[in-house]
Amino acid sequence: MNNTVELLGYYGSDETIACSAWTSTSRELTKEKRDRIGGLIKYLWENEHETPFEKATVHFLVNTDIATHIHLLKHRISSLNAESARYKELKEDKYFLPNDWLDSDVGKKHYNRLVEMSKLTNQYYHEAVEELTPVLGRKRAKESCRFFKMYNSQIQADVMFNMRSFANFLKLRYSEHAQKEINDVAVAMLESVKSIKGNPFKHTLIAWGYEENSKRDTKEE
């Protein structure tokens, strides 16, 4: 199964971020001030006045392998809650397979081995939960039998970033130096934000350098 990203919702916009910055003077929005939002956001970001970006958020539901989930935990994330094998038996045997392995014969060999291992360890996991529950109790059986789950086992997580944290995440993971799987998640997250109707974070994405027409749009500001 592929890793997936779904945008559940968002709060705020470029205007929200700008109004937060303007609180120190006046939050009253006139046409003249609305026309200055793009320039203000660019100024704030370039001069490291980043607190206003914490006033807007993006909210995702992701299904990822455990290795990628660990990458998500290493960021300044506003909130993350994930499916837990400690509290429930993972009935659905979801696991991730790296499709780029299929581009070579040696890769196909190890791909098939990974499929076999994933199926076998999932089988062992369920058998161990069932057989150890009478011995250890349901709670201890669930939390210890998850050791059979491999790094490619997939879990679901509810992830929310404020926009300052989201920028930090993209800086490190929307990068050619990032591991492919977490990079794919970052790409999908960014594209889903860019696709929000009305493009409410247009100037924020321009300031960060992630809008396709950033040079042209910034010049217009």
N, C-alpha and C. Protein backbone atom coordinates (compact mmCIF):
# COMPACT_ATOMS: atom_id res chain seq x y z
N MET A 1 0.84 -1.19 0.00
CA MET A 1 0.00 0.00 0.00
C MET A 1 0.88 1.24 0.00
N ASN A 2 0.51 2.23 -0.80
CA ASN A 2 1.26 3.47 -0.84
C ASN A 2 0.99 4.31 0.41
N ASN A 3 1.96 5.13 0.79
CA ASN A 3 1.71 6.13 1.82
C ASN A 3 0.77 7.19 1.25
N THR A 4 -0.11 7.72 2.07
CA THR A 4 -1.10 8.69 1.58
C THR A 4 -1.17 9.90 2.50
N VAL A 5 -1.60 11.02 1.90
CA VAL A 5 -1.78 12.27 2.63
C VAL A 5 -3.13 12.85 2.24
N GLU A 6 -3.90 13.27 3.24
CA GLU A 6 -5.20 13.93 3.00
C GLU A 6 -5.24 15.21 3.82
N LEU A 7 -5.55 16.33 3.18
CA LEU A 7 -5.72 17.58 3.91
C LEU A 7 -7.11 17.58 4.55
N LEU A 8 -7.17 17.53 5.88
CA LEU A 8 -8.45 17.52 6.58
C LEU A 8 -9.05 18.92 6.69
N GLY A 9 -8.19 19.91 6.79
CA GLY A 9 -8.68 21.27 6.93
C GLY A 9 -7.55 22.23 7.21
N TYR A 10 -7.91 23.48 7.39
CA TYR A 10 -6.91 24.50 7.70
C TYR A 10 -7.58 25.64 8.45
N TYR A 11 -6.79 26.42 9.13
CA TYR A 11 -7.31 27.62 9.77
C TYR A 11 -6.46 28.79 9.34
N GLY A 12 -7.10 29.92 9.04
CA GLY A 12 -6.37 31.13 8.75
C GLY A 12 -5.99 31.28 7.30
N SER A 13 -5.14 32.25 7.05
CA SER A 13 -4.75 32.62 5.69
C SER A 13 -3.61 33.63 5.78
N ASP A 14 -3.20 34.12 4.62
CA ASP A 14 -2.22 35.22 4.61
C ASP A 14 -2.73 36.40 5.43
N GLU A 15 -4.02 36.67 5.32
CA GLU A 15 -4.60 37.80 6.04
C GLU A 15 -4.51 37.59 7.55
N THR A 16 -4.75 36.37 8.01
CA THR A 16 -4.64 36.06 9.43
C THR A 16 -3.23 36.34 9.95
N ILE A 17 -2.24 35.91 9.17
CA ILE A 17 -0.84 36.11 9.55
C ILE A 17 -0.51 37.59 9.58
N ALA A 18 -0.96 38.32 8.56
CA ALA A 18 -0.69 39.76 8.49
C ALA A 18 -1.35 40.50 9.66
N CYS A 19 -2.60 40.15 9.96
CA CYS A 19 -3.31 40.81 11.06
C CYS A 19 -2.62 40.56 12.40
N SER A 20 -2.07 39.37 12.56
CA SER A 20 -1.33 39.08 13.78
C SER A 20 -0.14 40.03 13.92
N ALA A 21 0.56 40.25 12.81
CA ALA A 21 1.71 41.16 12.84
C ALA A 21 1.26 42.60 13.07
N TRP A 22 0.12 42.97 12.54
CA TRP A 22 -0.38 44.34 12.68
C TRP A 22 -1.00 44.61 14.04
N THR A 23 -1.16 43.62 14.87
CA THR A 23 -1.76 43.81 16.19
C THR A 23 -1.01 44.86 17.00
N SER A 24 0.29 44.95 16.81
CA SER A 24 1.09 45.91 17.57
C SER A 24 0.81 47.35 17.18
N THR A 25 0.15 47.57 16.04
CA THR A 25 -0.22 48.93 15.62
C THR A 25 -1.74 49.04 15.50
N SER A 26 -2.29 48.50 14.41
CA SER A 26 -3.74 48.50 14.23
C SER A 26 -4.13 47.36 13.32
N ARG A 27 -5.12 46.56 13.74
CA ARG A 27 -5.58 45.43 12.96
C ARG A 27 -6.64 45.83 11.93
N GLU A 28 -7.06 47.08 11.93
CA GLU A 28 -8.10 47.52 11.00
C GLU A 28 -7.62 47.33 9.56
N LEU A 29 -8.40 46.60 8.80
CA LEU A 29 -8.02 46.30 7.42
C LEU A 29 -8.68 47.27 6.45
N THR A 30 -7.87 48.02 5.78
CA THR A 30 -8.34 48.88 4.70
C THR A 30 -7.89 48.27 3.39
N LYS A 31 -8.40 48.78 2.27
CA LYS A 31 -7.96 48.27 0.97
C LYS A 31 -6.46 48.45 0.81
N GLU A 32 -5.95 49.58 1.28
CA GLU A 32 -4.51 49.85 1.15
C GLU A 32 -3.70 48.81 1.92
N LYS A 33 -4.19 48.44 3.12
CA LYS A 33 -3.46 47.45 3.92
C LYS A 33 -3.58 46.06 3.30
N ARG A 34 -4.74 45.72 2.77
CA ARG A 34 -4.89 44.42 2.10
C ARG A 34 -3.92 44.31 0.92
N ASP A 35 -3.72 45.40 0.22
CA ASP A 35 -2.79 45.39 -0.92
C ASP A 35 -1.35 45.20 -0.48
N ARG A 36 -1.08 45.45 0.80
CA ARG A 36 0.28 45.33 1.33
C ARG A 36 0.56 43.99 1.97
N ILE A 37 -0.43 43.08 2.02
CA ILE A 37 -0.27 41.80 2.73
C ILE A 37 0.90 40.99 2.18
N GLY A 38 0.97 40.88 0.85
CA GLY A 38 2.05 40.09 0.26
C GLY A 38 3.42 40.61 0.63
N GLY A 39 3.59 41.93 0.54
CA GLY A 39 4.87 42.53 0.89
C GLY A 39 5.21 42.38 2.35
N LEU A 40 4.18 42.50 3.21
CA LEU A 40 4.42 42.34 4.64
C LEU A 40 4.87 40.94 4.98
N ILE A 41 4.19 39.95 4.42
CA ILE A 41 4.54 38.56 4.72
C ILE A 41 5.96 38.25 4.24
N LYS A 42 6.31 38.74 3.08
CA LYS A 42 7.68 38.56 2.58
C LYS A 42 8.69 39.20 3.54
N TYR A 43 8.39 40.40 4.01
CA TYR A 43 9.27 41.10 4.94
C TYR A 43 9.40 40.32 6.26
N LEU A 44 8.26 39.87 6.79
CA LEU A 44 8.29 39.13 8.05
C LEU A 44 9.18 37.90 7.96
N TRP A 45 9.01 37.13 6.88
CA TRP A 45 9.76 35.89 6.75
C TRP A 45 11.25 36.15 6.52
N GLU A 46 11.55 37.09 5.66
CA GLU A 46 12.95 37.36 5.35
C GLU A 46 13.71 37.94 6.55
N ASN A 47 12.97 38.59 7.45
CA ASN A 47 13.61 39.20 8.62
C ASN A 47 13.39 38.40 9.90
N GLU A 48 12.93 37.16 9.73
CA GLU A 48 12.79 36.20 10.83
C GLU A 48 11.83 36.67 11.92
N HIS A 49 10.80 37.42 11.51
CA HIS A 49 9.70 37.73 12.42
C HIS A 49 8.64 36.65 12.20
N GLU A 50 8.85 35.48 12.82
CA GLU A 50 8.10 34.28 12.43
C GLU A 50 6.89 33.98 13.31
N THR A 51 6.76 34.63 14.46
CA THR A 51 5.64 34.33 15.36
C THR A 51 4.27 34.46 14.70
N PRO A 52 4.02 35.49 13.87
CA PRO A 52 2.69 35.59 13.24
C PRO A 52 2.30 34.35 12.42
N PHE A 53 3.28 33.62 11.92
CA PHE A 53 2.98 32.43 11.12
C PHE A 53 2.42 31.29 11.98
N GLU A 54 2.56 31.41 13.30
CA GLU A 54 2.00 30.39 14.19
C GLU A 54 0.49 30.54 14.36
N LYS A 55 -0.09 31.61 13.83
CA LYS A 55 -1.52 31.87 14.01
C LYS A 55 -2.38 31.19 12.95
N ALA A 56 -1.76 30.51 12.00
CA ALA A 56 -2.49 29.76 10.98
C ALA A 56 -2.01 28.32 10.99
N THR A 57 -2.90 27.39 10.65
CA THR A 57 -2.56 25.97 10.74
C THR A 57 -3.04 25.19 9.52
N VAL A 58 -2.40 24.04 9.29
CA VAL A 58 -2.85 23.07 8.30
C VAL A 58 -2.94 21.72 8.98
N HIS A 59 -3.93 20.91 8.59
CA HIS A 59 -4.28 19.69 9.32
C HIS A 59 -4.39 18.53 8.34
N PHE A 60 -3.61 17.47 8.57
CA PHE A 60 -3.52 16.35 7.63
C PHE A 60 -3.85 15.02 8.32
N LEU A 61 -4.33 14.09 7.51
CA LEU A 61 -4.43 12.69 7.91
C LEU A 61 -3.47 11.92 7.01
N VAL A 62 -2.51 11.22 7.60
CA VAL A 62 -1.50 10.52 6.81
C VAL A 62 -1.48 9.04 7.16
N ASN A 63 -1.21 8.22 6.17
CA ASN A 63 -0.94 6.80 6.37
C ASN A 63 0.49 6.56 5.91
N THR A 64 1.36 6.23 6.83
CA THR A 64 2.77 6.06 6.48
C THR A 64 3.37 4.85 7.18
N ASP A 65 4.48 4.39 6.61
CA ASP A 65 5.26 3.35 7.28
C ASP A 65 5.84 3.94 8.57
N ILE A 66 6.22 3.06 9.49
CA ILE A 66 6.70 3.50 10.80
C ILE A 66 7.98 4.32 10.68
N ALA A 67 8.86 3.97 9.75
CA ALA A 67 10.09 4.72 9.57
C ALA A 67 9.79 6.17 9.20
N THR A 68 8.82 6.38 8.33
CA THR A 68 8.43 7.73 7.93
C THR A 68 7.71 8.44 9.06
N HIS A 69 6.91 7.70 9.81
CA HIS A 69 6.23 8.27 10.98
C HIS A 69 7.25 8.84 11.97
N ILE A 70 8.37 8.17 12.14
CA ILE A 70 9.42 8.64 13.05
C ILE A 70 9.98 9.97 12.56
N HIS A 71 10.12 10.13 11.24
CA HIS A 71 10.57 11.41 10.68
C HIS A 71 9.59 12.53 11.06
N LEU A 72 8.30 12.24 11.01
CA LEU A 72 7.30 13.24 11.35
C LEU A 72 7.42 13.70 12.80
N LEU A 73 7.84 12.79 13.66
CA LEU A 73 7.94 13.11 15.08
C LEU A 73 9.11 14.04 15.41
N LYS A 74 10.01 14.21 14.47
CA LYS A 74 11.24 14.96 14.74
C LYS A 74 11.13 16.44 14.41
N HIS A 75 9.92 16.96 14.28
CA HIS A 75 9.73 18.35 13.90
C HIS A 75 8.95 19.12 14.93
N ARG A 76 8.98 20.46 14.83
CA ARG A 76 8.20 21.33 15.71
C ARG A 76 6.75 21.26 15.26
N ILE A 77 6.08 20.20 15.64
CA ILE A 77 4.73 19.96 15.19
C ILE A 77 3.75 20.44 16.26
N SER A 78 2.70 21.12 15.83
CA SER A 78 1.72 21.61 16.78
C SER A 78 1.01 20.45 17.48
N SER A 79 0.70 19.40 16.72
CA SER A 79 -0.05 18.29 17.30
C SER A 79 0.08 17.05 16.41
N LEU A 80 0.28 15.90 17.04
CA LEU A 80 0.32 14.63 16.30
C LEU A 80 -0.26 13.54 17.19
N ASN A 81 -1.23 12.83 16.65
CA ASN A 81 -1.82 11.69 17.35
C ASN A 81 -1.89 10.54 16.36
N ALA A 82 -1.45 9.36 16.77
CA ALA A 82 -1.34 8.25 15.82
C ALA A 82 -1.98 6.98 16.34
N GLU A 83 -2.32 6.14 15.39
CA GLU A 83 -2.81 4.80 15.67
C GLU A 83 -1.77 4.07 16.53
N SER A 84 -2.22 3.38 17.55
CA SER A 84 -1.28 2.78 18.49
C SER A 84 -1.52 1.29 18.65
N ALA A 85 -0.47 0.50 18.41
CA ALA A 85 -0.56 -0.94 18.62
C ALA A 85 -0.51 -1.29 20.11
N ARG A 86 -0.23 -0.30 20.94
CA ARG A 86 -0.26 -0.56 22.38
C ARG A 86 -1.69 -0.65 22.89
N TYR A 87 -2.57 0.14 22.29
CA TYR A 87 -3.94 0.22 22.79
C TYR A 87 -4.93 -0.66 22.02
N LYS A 88 -4.54 -1.13 20.87
CA LYS A 88 -5.44 -2.00 20.11
C LYS A 88 -4.62 -2.96 19.27
N GLU A 89 -5.22 -4.07 18.91
CA GLU A 89 -4.59 -4.98 17.97
C GLU A 89 -4.78 -4.40 16.57
N LEU A 90 -3.71 -4.32 15.81
CA LEU A 90 -3.79 -3.78 14.46
C LEU A 90 -4.34 -4.86 13.53
N LYS A 91 -5.64 -4.86 13.34
CA LYS A 91 -6.31 -5.91 12.58
C LYS A 91 -5.95 -5.87 11.10
N GLU A 92 -5.80 -4.64 10.58
CA GLU A 92 -5.51 -4.49 9.15
C GLU A 92 -4.00 -4.51 8.94
N ASP A 93 -3.53 -5.46 8.17
CA ASP A 93 -2.09 -5.61 7.96
C ASP A 93 -1.62 -4.72 6.80
N LYS A 94 -1.42 -3.46 7.12
CA LYS A 94 -0.95 -2.50 6.11
C LYS A 94 0.58 -2.45 6.15
N TYR A 95 1.17 -2.48 4.99
CA TYR A 95 2.62 -2.31 4.95
C TYR A 95 3.03 -1.65 3.65
N PHE A 96 4.15 -0.93 3.71
CA PHE A 96 4.66 -0.16 2.59
C PHE A 96 5.73 -0.94 1.85
N LEU A 97 5.72 -0.86 0.52
CA LEU A 97 6.73 -1.51 -0.31
C LEU A 97 7.37 -0.47 -1.23
N PRO A 98 8.70 -0.38 -1.25
CA PRO A 98 9.38 0.62 -2.08
C PRO A 98 9.36 0.23 -3.56
N ASN A 99 8.54 0.91 -4.33
CA ASN A 99 8.36 0.56 -5.73
C ASN A 99 9.60 0.76 -6.59
N ASP A 100 10.52 1.64 -6.17
CA ASP A 100 11.73 1.85 -6.98
C ASP A 100 12.64 0.63 -6.97
N TRP A 101 12.41 -0.32 -6.05
CA TRP A 101 13.17 -1.56 -6.06
C TRP A 101 12.86 -2.39 -7.31
N LEU A 102 11.70 -2.17 -7.89
CA LEU A 102 11.25 -2.97 -9.03
C LEU A 102 11.94 -2.60 -10.33
N ASP A 103 12.82 -1.61 -10.28
CA ASP A 103 13.49 -1.14 -11.49
C ASP A 103 14.69 -2.01 -11.89
N SER A 104 15.03 -2.99 -11.06
CA SER A 104 16.16 -3.86 -11.39
C SER A 104 15.85 -5.28 -10.95
N ASP A 105 16.55 -6.24 -11.51
CA ASP A 105 16.32 -7.64 -11.14
C ASP A 105 16.68 -7.90 -9.69
N VAL A 106 17.81 -7.34 -9.23
CA VAL A 106 18.20 -7.56 -7.84
C VAL A 106 17.20 -6.87 -6.91
N GLY A 107 16.68 -5.72 -7.34
CA GLY A 107 15.67 -5.04 -6.55
C GLY A 107 14.40 -5.86 -6.44
N LYS A 108 14.00 -6.50 -7.54
CA LYS A 108 12.80 -7.34 -7.53
C LYS A 108 12.96 -8.51 -6.56
N LYS A 109 14.19 -9.06 -6.51
CA LYS A 109 14.44 -10.18 -5.59
C LYS A 109 14.19 -9.75 -4.15
N HIS A 110 14.73 -8.60 -3.78
CA HIS A 110 14.57 -8.14 -2.40
C HIS A 110 13.17 -7.60 -2.14
N TYR A 111 12.52 -7.09 -3.15
CA TYR A 111 11.13 -6.66 -3.02
C TYR A 111 10.24 -7.85 -2.65
N ASN A 112 10.45 -8.95 -3.36
CA ASN A 112 9.67 -10.17 -3.08
C ASN A 112 9.97 -10.71 -1.69
N ARG A 113 11.22 -10.62 -1.27
CA ARG A 113 11.58 -11.05 0.09
C ARG A 113 10.87 -10.18 1.13
N LEU A 114 10.81 -8.88 0.85
CA LEU A 114 10.16 -7.97 1.78
C LEU A 114 8.66 -8.27 1.88
N VAL A 115 8.04 -8.62 0.75
CA VAL A 115 6.63 -9.01 0.77
C VAL A 115 6.45 -10.25 1.64
N GLU A 116 7.31 -11.24 1.45
CA GLU A 116 7.21 -12.48 2.23
C GLU A 116 7.41 -12.21 3.72
N MET A 117 8.42 -11.40 4.05
CA MET A 117 8.69 -11.10 5.45
C MET A 117 7.54 -10.32 6.09
N SER A 118 6.95 -9.40 5.33
CA SER A 118 5.84 -8.60 5.85
C SER A 118 4.65 -9.49 6.18
N LYS A 119 4.35 -10.40 5.29
CA LYS A 119 3.22 -11.32 5.51
C LYS A 119 3.50 -12.24 6.70
N LEU A 120 4.74 -12.72 6.78
CA LEU A 120 5.09 -13.66 7.85
C LEU A 120 5.06 -12.99 9.22
N THR A 121 5.67 -11.81 9.33
CA THR A 121 5.71 -11.14 10.63
C THR A 121 4.31 -10.68 11.07
N ASN A 122 3.47 -10.31 10.12
CA ASN A 122 2.08 -9.97 10.48
C ASN A 122 1.34 -11.21 10.99
N GLN A 123 1.60 -12.34 10.36
CA GLN A 123 0.99 -13.59 10.83
C GLN A 123 1.46 -13.90 12.25
N TYR A 124 2.77 -13.77 12.50
CA TYR A 124 3.32 -14.03 13.83
C TYR A 124 2.73 -13.06 14.86
N TYR A 125 2.54 -11.82 14.45
CA TYR A 125 1.98 -10.80 15.35
C TYR A 125 0.60 -11.22 15.84
N HIS A 126 -0.29 -11.59 14.92
CA HIS A 126 -1.65 -11.95 15.31
C HIS A 126 -1.68 -13.23 16.14
N GLU A 127 -0.83 -14.20 15.77
CA GLU A 127 -0.77 -15.44 16.54
C GLU A 127 -0.26 -15.17 17.95
N ALA A 128 0.73 -14.32 18.08
CA ALA A 128 1.29 -14.02 19.39
C ALA A 128 0.28 -13.29 20.27
N VAL A 129 -0.46 -12.34 19.69
CA VAL A 129 -1.48 -11.63 20.47
C VAL A 129 -2.51 -12.62 21.01
N GLU A 130 -2.96 -13.51 20.13
CA GLU A 130 -3.99 -14.48 20.53
C GLU A 130 -3.48 -15.43 21.61
N GLU A 131 -2.26 -15.96 21.43
CA GLU A 131 -1.77 -16.99 22.33
C GLU A 131 -1.18 -16.45 23.63
N LEU A 132 -0.70 -15.20 23.60
CA LEU A 132 -0.12 -14.63 24.81
C LEU A 132 -1.13 -13.88 25.67
N THR A 133 -2.28 -13.56 25.11
CA THR A 133 -3.30 -12.86 25.90
C THR A 133 -3.70 -13.62 27.16
N PRO A 134 -3.95 -14.95 27.08
CA PRO A 134 -4.30 -15.68 28.31
C PRO A 134 -3.14 -15.75 29.31
N VAL A 135 -1.92 -15.61 28.81
CA VAL A 135 -0.74 -15.74 29.67
C VAL A 135 -0.35 -14.40 30.30
N LEU A 136 -0.34 -13.35 29.46
CA LEU A 136 0.14 -12.04 29.92
C LEU A 136 -0.97 -11.04 30.20
N GLY A 137 -2.16 -11.34 29.73
CA GLY A 137 -3.24 -10.35 29.77
C GLY A 137 -3.27 -9.60 28.45
N ARG A 138 -4.46 -9.11 28.10
CA ARG A 138 -4.65 -8.46 26.80
C ARG A 138 -3.75 -7.24 26.61
N LYS A 139 -3.64 -6.41 27.64
CA LYS A 139 -2.86 -5.18 27.53
C LYS A 139 -1.39 -5.47 27.22
N ARG A 140 -0.77 -6.33 28.02
CA ARG A 140 0.65 -6.62 27.83
C ARG A 140 0.89 -7.38 26.52
N ALA A 141 -0.03 -8.25 26.15
CA ALA A 141 0.12 -8.98 24.89
C ALA A 141 0.15 -8.02 23.71
N LYS A 142 -0.78 -7.05 23.67
CA LYS A 142 -0.83 -6.10 22.56
C LYS A 142 0.43 -5.25 22.49
N GLU A 143 0.85 -4.72 23.65
CA GLU A 143 1.97 -3.78 23.61
C GLU A 143 3.30 -4.46 23.34
N SER A 144 3.43 -5.74 23.68
CA SER A 144 4.70 -6.42 23.44
C SER A 144 4.74 -7.14 22.10
N CYS A 145 3.61 -7.61 21.62
CA CYS A 145 3.60 -8.33 20.35
C CYS A 145 3.83 -7.41 19.15
N ARG A 146 3.69 -6.11 19.37
CA ARG A 146 3.96 -5.18 18.27
C ARG A 146 5.42 -5.21 17.84
N PHE A 147 6.28 -5.85 18.64
CA PHE A 147 7.68 -5.97 18.23
C PHE A 147 7.82 -6.80 16.96
N PHE A 148 6.79 -7.58 16.63
CA PHE A 148 6.82 -8.30 15.36
C PHE A 148 6.61 -7.37 14.17
N LYS A 149 6.05 -6.20 14.40
CA LYS A 149 5.78 -5.27 13.31
C LYS A 149 7.09 -4.66 12.80
N MET A 150 7.27 -4.67 11.49
CA MET A 150 8.51 -4.16 10.91
C MET A 150 8.40 -2.66 10.61
N TYR A 151 9.52 -2.07 10.23
CA TYR A 151 9.56 -0.65 9.93
C TYR A 151 8.64 -0.25 8.78
N ASN A 152 8.31 -1.20 7.91
CA ASN A 152 7.45 -0.86 6.78
C ASN A 152 5.97 -1.00 7.11
N SER A 153 5.63 -1.43 8.34
CA SER A 153 4.23 -1.48 8.75
C SER A 153 3.66 -0.07 8.75
N GLN A 154 2.44 0.07 8.27
CA GLN A 154 1.84 1.40 8.16
C GLN A 154 0.86 1.67 9.30
N ILE A 155 0.90 2.90 9.77
CA ILE A 155 -0.07 3.36 10.76
C ILE A 155 -0.63 4.71 10.30
N GLN A 156 -1.78 5.05 10.85
CA GLN A 156 -2.44 6.30 10.50
C GLN A 156 -2.16 7.35 11.57
N ALA A 157 -1.90 8.58 11.13
CA ALA A 157 -1.62 9.66 12.07
C ALA A 157 -2.37 10.92 11.68
N ASP A 158 -2.81 11.64 12.69
CA ASP A 158 -3.49 12.93 12.56
C ASP A 158 -2.43 13.99 12.89
N VAL A 159 -2.05 14.80 11.90
CA VAL A 159 -0.93 15.72 12.05
C VAL A 159 -1.38 17.15 11.78
N MET A 160 -1.10 18.05 12.71
CA MET A 160 -1.40 19.46 12.50
C MET A 160 -0.13 20.29 12.71
N PHE A 161 0.14 21.16 11.76
CA PHE A 161 1.26 22.10 11.86
C PHE A 161 0.71 23.52 11.95
N ASN A 162 1.32 24.37 12.78
CA ASN A 162 1.13 25.78 12.50
C ASN A 162 2.07 26.12 11.35
N MET A 163 1.86 27.25 10.71
CA MET A 163 2.59 27.52 9.47
C MET A 163 4.09 27.74 9.70
N ARG A 164 4.47 28.16 10.88
CA ARG A 164 5.90 28.26 11.19
C ARG A 164 6.52 26.87 11.25
N SER A 165 5.83 25.95 11.89
CA SER A 165 6.30 24.58 11.99
C SER A 165 6.28 23.90 10.62
N PHE A 166 5.27 24.19 9.84
CA PHE A 166 5.17 23.61 8.50
C PHE A 166 6.34 24.03 7.63
N ALA A 167 6.77 25.28 7.78
CA ALA A 167 7.93 25.77 7.04
C ALA A 167 9.19 24.99 7.43
N ASN A 168 9.34 24.72 8.73
CA ASN A 168 10.48 23.95 9.21
C ASN A 168 10.46 22.53 8.64
N PHE A 169 9.27 21.94 8.61
CA PHE A 169 9.11 20.60 8.05
C PHE A 169 9.49 20.59 6.57
N LEU A 170 8.98 21.54 5.80
CA LEU A 170 9.27 21.58 4.37
C LEU A 170 10.75 21.85 4.10
N LYS A 171 11.37 22.69 4.91
CA LYS A 171 12.79 22.99 4.72
C LYS A 171 13.64 21.73 4.77
N LEU A 172 13.30 20.83 5.69
CA LEU A 172 14.10 19.62 5.88
C LEU A 172 13.64 18.44 5.03
N ARG A 173 12.34 18.36 4.73
CA ARG A 173 11.80 17.16 4.07
C ARG A 173 11.41 17.38 2.62
N TYR A 174 11.13 18.64 2.22
CA TYR A 174 10.89 18.94 0.81
C TYR A 174 12.25 19.26 0.20
N SER A 175 13.10 18.24 0.19
CA SER A 175 14.51 18.42 -0.16
C SER A 175 15.03 17.16 -0.82
N GLU A 176 15.96 17.35 -1.74
CA GLU A 176 16.56 16.19 -2.41
C GLU A 176 17.40 15.37 -1.45
N HIS A 177 17.75 15.94 -0.30
CA HIS A 177 18.56 15.23 0.68
C HIS A 177 17.73 14.40 1.64
N ALA A 178 16.41 14.58 1.62
CA ALA A 178 15.53 13.83 2.52
C ALA A 178 15.32 12.42 2.00
N GLN A 179 15.01 11.50 2.91
CA GLN A 179 14.66 10.14 2.48
C GLN A 179 13.44 10.21 1.58
N LYS A 180 13.41 9.37 0.56
CA LYS A 180 12.38 9.43 -0.46
C LYS A 180 10.97 9.38 0.12
N GLU A 181 10.73 8.51 1.08
CA GLU A 181 9.37 8.34 1.60
C GLU A 181 8.86 9.58 2.31
N ILE A 182 9.70 10.22 3.15
CA ILE A 182 9.24 11.43 3.84
C ILE A 182 9.20 12.59 2.86
N ASN A 183 10.07 12.58 1.85
CA ASN A 183 10.00 13.61 0.81
C ASN A 183 8.69 13.53 0.04
N ASP A 184 8.24 12.31 -0.25
CA ASP A 184 6.96 12.13 -0.94
C ASP A 184 5.80 12.69 -0.11
N VAL A 185 5.87 12.48 1.21
CA VAL A 185 4.84 13.02 2.10
C VAL A 185 4.86 14.55 2.07
N ALA A 186 6.06 15.13 2.13
CA ALA A 186 6.18 16.59 2.11
C ALA A 186 5.65 17.17 0.81
N VAL A 187 5.97 16.52 -0.31
CA VAL A 187 5.47 16.98 -1.61
C VAL A 187 3.95 16.95 -1.64
N ALA A 188 3.37 15.85 -1.16
CA ALA A 188 1.90 15.71 -1.16
C ALA A 188 1.25 16.75 -0.25
N MET A 189 1.85 17.01 0.91
CA MET A 189 1.31 18.03 1.82
C MET A 189 1.34 19.41 1.18
N LEU A 190 2.49 19.75 0.60
CA LEU A 190 2.61 21.07 -0.03
C LEU A 190 1.62 21.23 -1.17
N GLU A 191 1.50 20.22 -2.02
CA GLU A 191 0.58 20.31 -3.15
C GLU A 191 -0.87 20.45 -2.68
N SER A 192 -1.21 19.77 -1.59
CA SER A 192 -2.59 19.88 -1.10
C SER A 192 -2.87 21.28 -0.55
N VAL A 193 -1.87 21.91 0.06
CA VAL A 193 -2.05 23.28 0.55
C VAL A 193 -2.14 24.25 -0.62
N LYS A 194 -1.31 24.04 -1.63
CA LYS A 194 -1.35 24.91 -2.81
C LYS A 194 -2.66 24.79 -3.57
N SER A 195 -3.35 23.65 -3.39
CA SER A 195 -4.58 23.39 -4.12
C SER A 195 -5.84 23.83 -3.37
N ILE A 196 -5.69 24.41 -2.18
CA ILE A 196 -6.87 24.90 -1.45
C ILE A 196 -7.57 25.96 -2.28
N LYS A 197 -8.86 25.87 -2.37
CA LYS A 197 -9.63 26.82 -3.17
C LYS A 197 -9.39 28.25 -2.68
N GLY A 198 -9.10 29.12 -3.63
CA GLY A 198 -8.84 30.51 -3.28
C GLY A 198 -7.40 30.81 -2.92
N ASN A 199 -6.57 29.76 -2.81
CA ASN A 199 -5.15 29.91 -2.51
C ASN A 199 -4.90 30.85 -1.32
N PRO A 200 -5.46 30.53 -0.13
CA PRO A 200 -5.37 31.46 1.01
C PRO A 200 -3.96 31.68 1.53
N PHE A 201 -3.02 30.78 1.22
CA PHE A 201 -1.64 30.94 1.69
C PHE A 201 -0.69 31.28 0.54
N LYS A 202 -1.21 31.91 -0.49
CA LYS A 202 -0.41 32.24 -1.67
C LYS A 202 0.85 33.01 -1.30
N HIS A 203 0.73 34.10 -0.55
CA HIS A 203 1.88 34.95 -0.25
C HIS A 203 2.84 34.29 0.72
N THR A 204 2.32 33.46 1.60
CA THR A 204 3.18 32.71 2.51
C THR A 204 4.05 31.74 1.71
N LEU A 205 3.45 31.03 0.76
CA LEU A 205 4.22 30.08 -0.06
C LEU A 205 5.23 30.81 -0.93
N ILE A 206 4.87 32.00 -1.41
CA ILE A 206 5.81 32.80 -2.19
C ILE A 206 7.01 33.20 -1.31
N ALA A 207 6.73 33.65 -0.10
CA ALA A 207 7.80 34.07 0.81
C ALA A 207 8.74 32.92 1.12
N TRP A 208 8.17 31.72 1.23
CA TRP A 208 9.00 30.54 1.51
C TRP A 208 9.74 30.03 0.28
N GLY A 209 9.31 30.46 -0.92
CA GLY A 209 9.95 30.00 -2.15
C GLY A 209 9.34 28.74 -2.73
N TYR A 210 8.10 28.40 -2.33
CA TYR A 210 7.47 27.17 -2.79
C TYR A 210 6.34 27.39 -3.79
N GLU A 211 6.11 28.63 -4.18
CA GLU A 211 5.10 28.90 -5.19
C GLU A 211 5.80 28.93 -6.54
N GLU A 212 5.23 28.27 -7.56
CA GLU A 212 5.88 28.15 -8.87
C GLU A 212 6.22 29.51 -9.46
N ASN A 213 5.33 30.49 -9.29
CA ASN A 213 5.53 31.80 -9.88
C ASN A 213 6.01 32.81 -8.85
N SER A 214 6.82 32.34 -7.89
CA SER A 214 7.19 33.21 -6.77
C SER A 214 7.95 34.45 -7.21
N LYS A 215 8.88 34.32 -8.17
CA LYS A 215 9.66 35.47 -8.59
C LYS A 215 8.77 36.52 -9.24
N ARG A 216 7.90 36.09 -10.12
CA ARG A 216 7.01 37.02 -10.80
C ARG A 216 6.05 37.66 -9.79
N ASP A 217 5.44 36.86 -8.93
CA ASP A 217 4.45 37.38 -7.99
C ASP A 217 5.09 38.32 -6.97
N THR A 218 6.29 37.95 -6.50
CA THR A 218 6.97 38.81 -5.53
C THR A 218 7.31 40.16 -6.14
N LYS A 219 7.72 40.16 -7.37
CA LYS A 219 8.05 41.40 -8.05
C LYS A 219 6.82 42.30 -8.15
N GLU A 220 5.66 41.68 -8.40
CA GLU A 220 4.43 42.46 -8.52
C GLU A 220 4.07 43.12 -7.21
N GLU A 221 4.46 42.49 -6.09
CA GLU A 221 4.16 43.07 -4.80
C GLU A 221 4.95 44.35 -4.57
